[in-house]
Structures are given as structure tokens and as C-alpha cells.
């Protein structure tokens, strides 16, 4: 984190997707519900939680952390 803390616009961007969502994976009407891939789903859920922890812990240092889902098309 030392290099990030010296940046004027520090960012952490993690890649995740809906298969790591507890809400989507427990909803039978969700398109993600039928994909039960234990290692993959749990690793994506871990990335989501890590992103939340980073965003919370690093906010005071002006470092932003976000997760992006590159496979989800925008909703109009």
C-alpha cells in the first residue's frame, strides 16, 4: 500500500461477478441460481468481501476500492 498511498488518485479495482453474490445465488428466480461451482463461487464471494474491507479500511487514506463485473451488460 505504500505506493498507492503516495498517489493523487489511488484506485484498487477487483474483478468479480454475480456468481459471488449470496443474494443472487440463493434466489431461485435469478439467472445465477443454477450455477453451483463451489470453488469459483466462493472465490468470487471472497473477492467481494475483500473489496468491501479495502474500501472501508483505506477510505481514510483517500484510496478507493471497487469491484467490476466485466460480463454484465448495462441495464437500460
C-alpha atoms as a PDB file:
ATOM      1  CA  UNK A   1       0.000   0.000   0.000  1.00  0.00           C
ATOM      2  CA  UNK A   2       2.894   2.471   0.331  1.00  0.00           C
ATOM      3  CA  UNK A   3       2.902   3.265  -3.386  1.00  0.00           C
ATOM      4  CA  UNK A   4      -0.863   3.634  -3.518  1.00  0.00           C
ATOM      5  CA  UNK A   5      -0.895   6.000  -0.552  1.00  0.00           C
ATOM      6  CA  UNK A   6       1.502   8.334  -2.399  1.00  0.00           C
ATOM      7  CA  UNK A   7      -0.769   8.516  -5.451  1.00  0.00           C
ATOM      8  CA  UNK A   8      -3.072  11.501  -6.001  1.00  0.00           C
ATOM      9  CA  UNK A   9      -5.865   9.222  -7.263  1.00  0.00           C
ATOM     10  CA  UNK A  10      -5.213   5.740  -5.873  1.00  0.00           C
ATOM     11  CA  UNK A  11      -7.587   3.007  -7.030  1.00  0.00           C
ATOM     12  CA  UNK A  12      -7.957  -0.719  -6.462  1.00  0.00           C
ATOM     13  CA  UNK A  13     -10.212  -2.460  -8.983  1.00  0.00           C
ATOM     14  CA  UNK A  14     -11.059  -6.112  -8.390  1.00  0.00           C
ATOM     15  CA  UNK A  15     -12.864  -8.299 -10.903  1.00  0.00           C
ATOM     16  CA  UNK A  16     -15.880 -10.179  -9.655  1.00  0.00           C
ATOM     17  CA  UNK A  17     -19.300 -11.188 -10.914  1.00  0.00           C
ATOM     18  CA  UNK A  18     -22.768 -12.237  -9.857  1.00  0.00           C
ATOM     19  CA  UNK A  19     -21.694 -15.804  -9.171  1.00  0.00           C
ATOM     20  CA  UNK A  20     -20.148 -14.490  -5.955  1.00  0.00           C
ATOM     21  CA  UNK A  21     -23.381 -12.822  -4.825  1.00  0.00           C
ATOM     22  CA  UNK A  22     -25.084 -14.524  -1.903  1.00  0.00           C
ATOM     23  CA  UNK A  23     -28.341 -12.808  -2.815  1.00  0.00           C
ATOM     24  CA  UNK A  24     -28.351 -13.900  -6.461  1.00  0.00           C
ATOM     25  CA  UNK A  25     -27.189 -17.446  -5.721  1.00  0.00           C
ATOM     26  CA  UNK A  26     -29.922 -18.024  -3.144  1.00  0.00           C
ATOM     27  CA  UNK A  27     -32.740 -16.657  -5.325  1.00  0.00           C
ATOM     28  CA  UNK A  28     -34.363 -19.395  -7.463  1.00  0.00           C
ATOM     29  CA  UNK A  29     -35.540 -16.769  -9.983  1.00  0.00           C
ATOM     30  CA  UNK A  30     -32.012 -15.449 -10.558  1.00  0.00           C
ATOM     31  CA  UNK A  31     -30.071 -16.440 -13.669  1.00  0.00           C
ATOM     32  CA  UNK A  32     -27.126 -17.235 -11.360  1.00  0.00           C
ATOM     33  CA  UNK A  33     -29.072 -19.714  -9.204  1.00  0.00           C
ATOM     34  CA  UNK A  34     -28.372 -22.817 -11.303  1.00  0.00           C
ATOM     35  CA  UNK A  35     -24.582 -22.353 -11.355  1.00  0.00           C
ATOM     36  CA  UNK A  36     -23.252 -24.078  -8.244  1.00  0.00           C
ATOM     37  CA  UNK A  37     -19.484 -24.072  -8.715  1.00  0.00           C
ATOM     38  CA  UNK A  38     -18.124 -24.278  -5.154  1.00  0.00           C
ATOM     39  CA  UNK A  39     -14.553 -23.095  -5.704  1.00  0.00           C
ATOM     40  CA  UNK A  40     -15.425 -20.402  -8.247  1.00  0.00           C
ATOM     41  CA  UNK A  41     -18.492 -19.008  -6.457  1.00  0.00           C
ATOM     42  CA  UNK A  42     -16.750 -18.894  -3.088  1.00  0.00           C
ATOM     43  CA  UNK A  43     -13.653 -17.220  -4.539  1.00  0.00           C
ATOM     44  CA  UNK A  44     -15.826 -14.514  -6.136  1.00  0.00           C
ATOM     45  CA  UNK A  45     -17.662 -14.006  -2.841  1.00  0.00           C
ATOM     46  CA  UNK A  46     -14.270 -13.630  -1.143  1.00  0.00           C
ATOM     47  CA  UNK A  47     -13.216 -11.004  -3.706  1.00  0.00           C
ATOM     48  CA  UNK A  48     -16.415  -9.076  -2.983  1.00  0.00           C
ATOM     49  CA  UNK A  49     -15.743  -9.124   0.756  1.00  0.00           C
ATOM     50  CA  UNK A  50     -12.096  -8.186   0.293  1.00  0.00           C
ATOM     51  CA  UNK A  51     -13.211  -5.218  -1.802  1.00  0.00           C
ATOM     52  CA  UNK A  52     -15.580  -4.085   0.960  1.00  0.00           C
ATOM     53  CA  UNK A  53     -12.830  -4.394   3.568  1.00  0.00           C
ATOM     54  CA  UNK A  54     -10.342  -2.457   1.422  1.00  0.00           C
ATOM     55  CA  UNK A  55     -12.893   0.260   0.644  1.00  0.00           C
ATOM     56  CA  UNK A  56     -13.688   0.685   4.334  1.00  0.00           C
ATOM     57  CA  UNK A  57     -10.142   0.471   5.695  1.00  0.00           C
ATOM     58  CA  UNK A  58      -8.476   2.608   3.027  1.00  0.00           C
ATOM     59  CA  UNK A  59     -11.071   5.384   2.714  1.00  0.00           C
ATOM     60  CA  UNK A  60      -9.266   7.500   5.311  1.00  0.00           C
ATOM     61  CA  UNK A  61      -6.125   7.311   3.150  1.00  0.00           C
ATOM     62  CA  UNK A  62      -8.096   8.502   0.075  1.00  0.00           C
ATOM     63  CA  UNK A  63      -7.664   5.127  -1.653  1.00  0.00           C
ATOM     64  CA  UNK A  64     -10.790   3.912  -3.456  1.00  0.00           C
ATOM     65  CA  UNK A  65     -11.569   0.224  -3.896  1.00  0.00           C
ATOM     66  CA  UNK A  66     -14.245  -1.104  -6.253  1.00  0.00           C
ATOM     67  CA  UNK A  67     -15.248  -4.371  -7.868  1.00  0.00           C
ATOM     68  CA  UNK A  68     -16.237  -4.607 -11.520  1.00  0.00           C
ATOM     69  CA  UNK A  69     -18.206  -7.266 -13.342  1.00  0.00           C
ATOM     70  CA  UNK A  70     -16.919  -7.272 -16.924  1.00  0.00           C
ATOM     71  CA  UNK A  71     -19.545  -9.741 -18.135  1.00  0.00           C
ATOM     72  CA  UNK A  72     -22.706  -7.959 -17.060  1.00  0.00           C
ATOM     73  CA  UNK A  73     -24.237  -5.799 -19.788  1.00  0.00           C
ATOM     74  CA  UNK A  74     -25.539  -2.386 -18.718  1.00  0.00           C
ATOM     75  CA  UNK A  75     -29.236  -2.230 -17.852  1.00  0.00           C
ATOM     76  CA  UNK A  76     -31.249   0.375 -19.654  1.00  0.00           C
END
